[in-house]
Amino acid sequence: VQLQASGGGLVQAGGSLRLSCAASGRTFSTLDMGWFRQAPGKERELVAYIYRSGGFTSYADSVKGRFTISRDNSKNTVWLQMLGLKPEDTAVYYCAGGVATAGRYPYWGQGTLVTVSS
């Protein structure tokens, strides 16, 4: 499966963005999907993930209550709605597919840059 992330950009603190990740191939519905981010000089972190069925989601404490992950298997797409953005949310965001419970994500998108100005 190939993943294509989009939707990043420059936004002021307090603003919002919605990231999209479109998947090609017929295996999207068999994959748990995650959004990761990596800020300059920092390690990559898991921001949110959603089970293949869409029936369970989980968030990093740093984004809980501000970000929402969702998916539509009929559209082979997963989204990350980001509200109340903070400068510390600035990072390259990646979507990834795999097995959430195993922490394994063998499929990765190319990344989209989110910059939040103060």
N, C-alpha and C. Protein backbone atom coordinates (compact mmCIF):
# COMPACT_ATOMS: atom_id res chain seq x y z
N VAL A 1 0.85 -1.17 0.00
CA VAL A 1 0.00 0.00 0.00
C VAL A 1 0.89 1.24 0.00
N GLN A 2 0.50 2.26 -0.75
CA GLN A 2 1.23 3.52 -0.76
C GLN A 2 0.39 4.59 -0.09
N LEU A 3 1.05 5.43 0.70
CA LEU A 3 0.36 6.46 1.47
C LEU A 3 0.82 7.84 1.03
N GLN A 4 -0.12 8.75 0.88
CA GLN A 4 0.19 10.11 0.45
C GLN A 4 -0.44 11.09 1.44
N ALA A 5 0.42 11.75 2.21
CA ALA A 5 -0.06 12.72 3.20
C ALA A 5 -0.12 14.11 2.59
N SER A 6 -1.09 14.89 3.04
CA SER A 6 -1.24 16.26 2.56
C SER A 6 -1.95 17.09 3.62
N GLY A 7 -1.97 18.41 3.39
CA GLY A 7 -2.73 19.28 4.26
C GLY A 7 -1.91 20.13 5.21
N GLY A 8 -0.62 19.95 5.22
CA GLY A 8 0.21 20.76 6.09
C GLY A 8 0.29 22.20 5.60
N GLY A 9 0.87 23.04 6.43
CA GLY A 9 1.01 24.44 6.05
C GLY A 9 1.42 25.29 7.23
N LEU A 10 1.34 26.60 7.02
CA LEU A 10 1.68 27.57 8.06
C LEU A 10 0.40 28.12 8.67
N VAL A 11 0.32 28.09 9.98
CA VAL A 11 -0.87 28.56 10.67
C VAL A 11 -0.45 29.27 11.95
N GLN A 12 -1.24 30.23 12.36
CA GLN A 12 -0.96 30.93 13.61
C GLN A 12 -1.40 30.08 14.80
N ALA A 13 -0.77 30.34 15.92
CA ALA A 13 -1.15 29.65 17.14
C ALA A 13 -2.64 29.85 17.40
N GLY A 14 -3.28 28.76 17.79
CA GLY A 14 -4.72 28.78 18.00
C GLY A 14 -5.51 28.37 16.79
N GLY A 15 -4.85 28.28 15.65
CA GLY A 15 -5.53 27.92 14.42
C GLY A 15 -5.72 26.43 14.28
N SER A 16 -6.20 26.04 13.12
CA SER A 16 -6.50 24.64 12.88
C SER A 16 -6.04 24.21 11.49
N LEU A 17 -5.80 22.94 11.36
CA LEU A 17 -5.47 22.30 10.09
C LEU A 17 -6.06 20.90 10.08
N ARG A 18 -6.32 20.41 8.91
CA ARG A 18 -6.73 19.00 8.78
C ARG A 18 -5.79 18.32 7.82
N LEU A 19 -5.10 17.33 8.31
CA LEU A 19 -4.22 16.53 7.48
C LEU A 19 -4.99 15.36 6.90
N SER A 20 -4.64 15.01 5.68
CA SER A 20 -5.25 13.85 5.02
C SER A 20 -4.16 12.88 4.61
N CYS A 21 -4.51 11.64 4.58
CA CYS A 21 -3.59 10.59 4.13
C CYS A 21 -4.40 9.64 3.26
N ALA A 22 -4.10 9.66 1.98
CA ALA A 22 -4.80 8.81 1.02
C ALA A 22 -3.97 7.58 0.73
N ALA A 23 -4.62 6.44 0.73
CA ALA A 23 -3.93 5.18 0.50
C ALA A 23 -4.34 4.59 -0.84
N SER A 24 -3.37 4.01 -1.49
CA SER A 24 -3.67 3.28 -2.72
C SER A 24 -3.60 1.79 -2.40
N GLY A 25 -4.30 1.01 -3.16
CA GLY A 25 -4.30 -0.42 -2.92
C GLY A 25 -5.51 -0.85 -2.13
N ARG A 26 -5.71 -2.13 -2.06
CA ARG A 26 -6.92 -2.67 -1.45
C ARG A 26 -6.74 -3.12 -0.01
N THR A 27 -5.57 -2.83 0.57
CA THR A 27 -5.32 -3.34 1.91
C THR A 27 -5.55 -2.32 3.01
N PHE A 28 -5.99 -1.10 2.65
CA PHE A 28 -6.12 -0.03 3.64
C PHE A 28 -6.99 -0.47 4.81
N SER A 29 -8.10 -1.12 4.53
CA SER A 29 -9.04 -1.48 5.59
C SER A 29 -8.49 -2.55 6.53
N THR A 30 -7.38 -3.16 6.16
CA THR A 30 -6.78 -4.18 7.02
C THR A 30 -5.70 -3.60 7.93
N LEU A 31 -5.44 -2.30 7.78
CA LEU A 31 -4.36 -1.65 8.52
C LEU A 31 -4.88 -0.73 9.60
N ASP A 32 -4.26 -0.81 10.78
CA ASP A 32 -4.40 0.27 11.74
C ASP A 32 -3.59 1.44 11.18
N MET A 33 -4.04 2.66 11.46
CA MET A 33 -3.37 3.82 10.91
C MET A 33 -2.93 4.76 12.02
N GLY A 34 -1.75 5.31 11.85
CA GLY A 34 -1.24 6.24 12.84
C GLY A 34 -0.73 7.51 12.19
N TRP A 35 -0.74 8.57 12.99
CA TRP A 35 -0.08 9.82 12.61
C TRP A 35 1.09 10.01 13.57
N PHE A 36 2.24 10.23 12.98
CA PHE A 36 3.45 10.51 13.73
C PHE A 36 3.91 11.92 13.40
N ARG A 37 4.79 12.46 14.23
CA ARG A 37 5.40 13.74 13.91
C ARG A 37 6.85 13.75 14.39
N GLN A 38 7.63 14.54 13.70
CA GLN A 38 9.02 14.70 14.10
C GLN A 38 9.40 16.17 13.97
N ALA A 39 9.73 16.75 15.08
CA ALA A 39 10.17 18.14 15.11
C ALA A 39 11.69 18.17 14.97
N PRO A 40 12.22 19.29 14.51
CA PRO A 40 13.68 19.39 14.34
C PRO A 40 14.41 19.09 15.64
N GLY A 41 15.38 18.19 15.56
CA GLY A 41 16.19 17.86 16.72
C GLY A 41 15.51 16.97 17.73
N LYS A 42 14.32 16.49 17.40
CA LYS A 42 13.60 15.64 18.34
C LYS A 42 13.31 14.28 17.70
N GLU A 43 13.01 13.33 18.56
CA GLU A 43 12.66 12.01 18.06
C GLU A 43 11.23 12.00 17.51
N ARG A 44 11.01 11.09 16.64
CA ARG A 44 9.66 10.93 16.10
C ARG A 44 8.74 10.41 17.20
N GLU A 45 7.53 10.95 17.23
CA GLU A 45 6.57 10.52 18.23
C GLU A 45 5.24 10.17 17.59
N LEU A 46 4.57 9.22 18.21
CA LEU A 46 3.24 8.81 17.76
C LEU A 46 2.23 9.81 18.32
N VAL A 47 1.49 10.44 17.45
CA VAL A 47 0.52 11.45 17.87
C VAL A 47 -0.84 10.83 18.13
N ALA A 48 -1.26 9.96 17.21
CA ALA A 48 -2.58 9.34 17.34
C ALA A 48 -2.64 8.11 16.48
N TYR A 49 -3.48 7.17 16.85
CA TYR A 49 -3.72 6.03 15.97
C TYR A 49 -5.17 5.61 16.04
N ILE A 50 -5.58 4.87 15.02
CA ILE A 50 -6.96 4.41 14.93
C ILE A 50 -6.94 2.98 14.41
N TYR A 51 -7.79 2.16 15.01
CA TYR A 51 -7.86 0.78 14.59
C TYR A 51 -8.44 0.68 13.18
N ARG A 52 -8.18 -0.45 12.54
CA ARG A 52 -8.63 -0.67 11.17
C ARG A 52 -10.14 -0.51 11.03
N SER A 53 -10.86 -0.87 12.07
CA SER A 53 -12.32 -0.76 12.02
C SER A 53 -12.79 0.67 12.29
N GLY A 54 -11.89 1.50 12.81
CA GLY A 54 -12.28 2.85 13.23
C GLY A 54 -12.91 2.87 14.61
N GLY A 55 -12.98 1.69 15.24
CA GLY A 55 -13.69 1.60 16.51
C GLY A 55 -12.89 1.98 17.74
N PHE A 56 -11.61 2.27 17.57
CA PHE A 56 -10.79 2.66 18.72
C PHE A 56 -9.76 3.67 18.27
N THR A 57 -9.58 4.69 19.08
CA THR A 57 -8.56 5.70 18.82
C THR A 57 -7.75 5.96 20.08
N SER A 58 -6.56 6.43 19.89
CA SER A 58 -5.70 6.77 21.03
C SER A 58 -4.85 7.96 20.66
N TYR A 59 -4.52 8.79 21.68
CA TYR A 59 -3.82 10.03 21.43
C TYR A 59 -2.67 10.20 22.41
N ALA A 60 -1.64 10.88 21.96
CA ALA A 60 -0.58 11.31 22.88
C ALA A 60 -1.17 12.35 23.83
N ASP A 61 -0.66 12.37 25.03
CA ASP A 61 -1.18 13.33 26.02
C ASP A 61 -1.06 14.76 25.53
N SER A 62 -0.02 15.03 24.75
CA SER A 62 0.24 16.40 24.31
C SER A 62 -0.80 16.93 23.34
N VAL A 63 -1.58 16.03 22.73
CA VAL A 63 -2.58 16.48 21.74
C VAL A 63 -4.00 16.10 22.13
N LYS A 64 -4.14 15.38 23.22
CA LYS A 64 -5.46 14.91 23.63
C LYS A 64 -6.40 16.10 23.85
N GLY A 65 -7.58 16.00 23.28
CA GLY A 65 -8.56 17.07 23.39
C GLY A 65 -8.44 18.12 22.32
N ARG A 66 -7.36 18.10 21.56
CA ARG A 66 -7.16 19.08 20.48
C ARG A 66 -7.16 18.43 19.10
N PHE A 67 -6.64 17.21 19.02
CA PHE A 67 -6.54 16.50 17.74
C PHE A 67 -7.56 15.37 17.69
N THR A 68 -8.05 15.09 16.49
CA THR A 68 -8.97 13.98 16.28
C THR A 68 -8.56 13.20 15.04
N ILE A 69 -8.37 11.91 15.22
CA ILE A 69 -8.07 11.05 14.08
C ILE A 69 -9.34 10.34 13.65
N SER A 70 -9.51 10.20 12.35
CA SER A 70 -10.69 9.51 11.82
C SER A 70 -10.31 8.87 10.50
N ARG A 71 -11.15 7.98 10.04
CA ARG A 71 -10.88 7.29 8.78
C ARG A 71 -12.18 6.93 8.10
N ASP A 72 -12.07 6.75 6.80
CA ASP A 72 -13.17 6.26 5.99
C ASP A 72 -12.60 5.18 5.08
N ASN A 73 -12.88 3.94 5.41
CA ASN A 73 -12.30 2.85 4.63
C ASN A 73 -12.85 2.79 3.20
N SER A 74 -14.02 3.34 2.98
CA SER A 74 -14.55 3.35 1.62
C SER A 74 -13.82 4.35 0.74
N LYS A 75 -13.14 5.32 1.40
CA LYS A 75 -12.37 6.33 0.66
C LYS A 75 -10.87 6.11 0.80
N ASN A 76 -10.48 5.04 1.49
CA ASN A 76 -9.06 4.75 1.70
C ASN A 76 -8.32 5.98 2.25
N THR A 77 -8.93 6.64 3.20
CA THR A 77 -8.36 7.88 3.71
C THR A 77 -8.44 7.94 5.23
N VAL A 78 -7.40 8.49 5.82
CA VAL A 78 -7.38 8.78 7.24
C VAL A 78 -7.06 10.27 7.39
N TRP A 79 -7.68 10.89 8.40
CA TRP A 79 -7.49 12.31 8.63
C TRP A 79 -6.98 12.57 10.05
N LEU A 80 -6.36 13.72 10.19
CA LEU A 80 -6.01 14.20 11.51
C LEU A 80 -6.47 15.66 11.59
N GLN A 81 -7.54 15.87 12.33
CA GLN A 81 -8.05 17.22 12.54
C GLN A 81 -7.31 17.82 13.74
N MET A 82 -6.69 18.96 13.52
CA MET A 82 -5.89 19.59 14.57
C MET A 82 -6.47 20.95 14.90
N LEU A 83 -6.89 21.11 16.12
CA LEU A 83 -7.44 22.38 16.60
C LEU A 83 -6.53 22.95 17.68
N GLY A 84 -6.67 24.24 17.91
CA GLY A 84 -5.90 24.86 18.98
C GLY A 84 -4.41 24.63 18.86
N LEU A 85 -3.91 24.81 17.65
CA LEU A 85 -2.50 24.50 17.41
C LEU A 85 -1.58 25.41 18.21
N LYS A 86 -0.48 24.82 18.62
CA LYS A 86 0.53 25.51 19.41
C LYS A 86 1.87 25.49 18.68
N PRO A 87 2.74 26.42 18.95
CA PRO A 87 4.06 26.39 18.28
C PRO A 87 4.78 25.06 18.47
N GLU A 88 4.57 24.41 19.60
CA GLU A 88 5.24 23.13 19.84
C GLU A 88 4.67 21.99 19.00
N ASP A 89 3.59 22.25 18.28
CA ASP A 89 3.06 21.26 17.33
C ASP A 89 3.80 21.30 15.99
N THR A 90 4.67 22.28 15.83
CA THR A 90 5.43 22.39 14.59
C THR A 90 6.29 21.15 14.38
N ALA A 91 6.10 20.51 13.22
CA ALA A 91 6.81 19.27 12.93
C ALA A 91 6.44 18.82 11.53
N VAL A 92 7.17 17.83 11.06
CA VAL A 92 6.75 17.09 9.88
C VAL A 92 5.85 15.95 10.36
N TYR A 93 4.67 15.87 9.79
CA TYR A 93 3.70 14.86 10.18
C TYR A 93 3.66 13.76 9.13
N TYR A 94 3.67 12.53 9.61
CA TYR A 94 3.66 11.36 8.75
C TYR A 94 2.47 10.47 9.08
N CYS A 95 1.84 9.93 8.07
CA CYS A 95 0.87 8.88 8.31
C CYS A 95 1.56 7.54 8.08
N ALA A 96 1.09 6.55 8.79
CA ALA A 96 1.69 5.24 8.70
C ALA A 96 0.64 4.17 8.92
N GLY A 97 0.82 3.03 8.29
CA GLY A 97 -0.12 1.93 8.43
C GLY A 97 0.56 0.68 8.95
N GLY A 98 -0.13 -0.06 9.78
CA GLY A 98 0.44 -1.28 10.32
C GLY A 98 -0.45 -1.90 11.37
N VAL A 99 0.18 -2.36 12.45
CA VAL A 99 -0.50 -3.01 13.55
C VAL A 99 -0.24 -2.20 14.82
N ALA A 100 -1.25 -1.50 15.28
CA ALA A 100 -1.06 -0.58 16.39
C ALA A 100 -0.65 -1.31 17.68
N THR A 101 -1.27 -2.44 17.94
CA THR A 101 -1.00 -3.14 19.20
C THR A 101 0.43 -3.65 19.26
N ALA A 102 1.03 -3.89 18.10
CA ALA A 102 2.42 -4.34 18.05
C ALA A 102 3.39 -3.19 17.89
N GLY A 103 2.85 -2.01 17.67
CA GLY A 103 3.72 -0.86 17.44
C GLY A 103 4.51 -0.97 16.15
N ARG A 104 3.97 -1.69 15.21
CA ARG A 104 4.66 -1.89 13.94
C ARG A 104 3.93 -1.19 12.83
N TYR A 105 4.64 -0.33 12.14
CA TYR A 105 4.07 0.44 11.04
C TYR A 105 5.00 0.32 9.85
N PRO A 106 4.83 -0.69 9.01
CA PRO A 106 5.74 -0.87 7.88
C PRO A 106 5.48 0.06 6.69
N TYR A 107 4.30 0.67 6.68
CA TYR A 107 3.93 1.52 5.54
C TYR A 107 3.92 2.98 5.98
N TRP A 108 4.62 3.82 5.19
CA TRP A 108 4.77 5.23 5.57
C TRP A 108 4.48 6.15 4.40
N GLY A 109 3.86 7.27 4.72
CA GLY A 109 3.71 8.34 3.75
C GLY A 109 4.95 9.22 3.77
N GLN A 110 4.96 10.21 2.91
CA GLN A 110 6.16 11.03 2.72
C GLN A 110 6.29 12.18 3.70
N GLY A 111 5.27 12.49 4.46
CA GLY A 111 5.36 13.58 5.42
C GLY A 111 4.82 14.88 4.87
N THR A 112 4.22 15.66 5.76
CA THR A 112 3.73 16.98 5.41
C THR A 112 4.09 17.93 6.56
N LEU A 113 4.61 19.10 6.22
CA LEU A 113 5.13 20.02 7.22
C LEU A 113 4.03 20.90 7.79
N VAL A 114 3.95 20.93 9.10
CA VAL A 114 3.05 21.83 9.81
C VAL A 114 3.90 22.82 10.60
N THR A 115 3.67 24.10 10.35
CA THR A 115 4.40 25.15 11.05
C THR A 115 3.40 26.04 11.76
N VAL A 116 3.56 26.17 13.07
CA VAL A 116 2.66 26.99 13.86
C VAL A 116 3.45 28.18 14.39
N SER A 117 3.03 29.37 13.98
CA SER A 117 3.73 30.57 14.41
C SER A 117 3.09 31.13 15.68
N SER A 118 3.92 31.75 16.49
CA SER A 118 3.42 32.30 17.77
C SER A 118 2.94 33.74 17.60
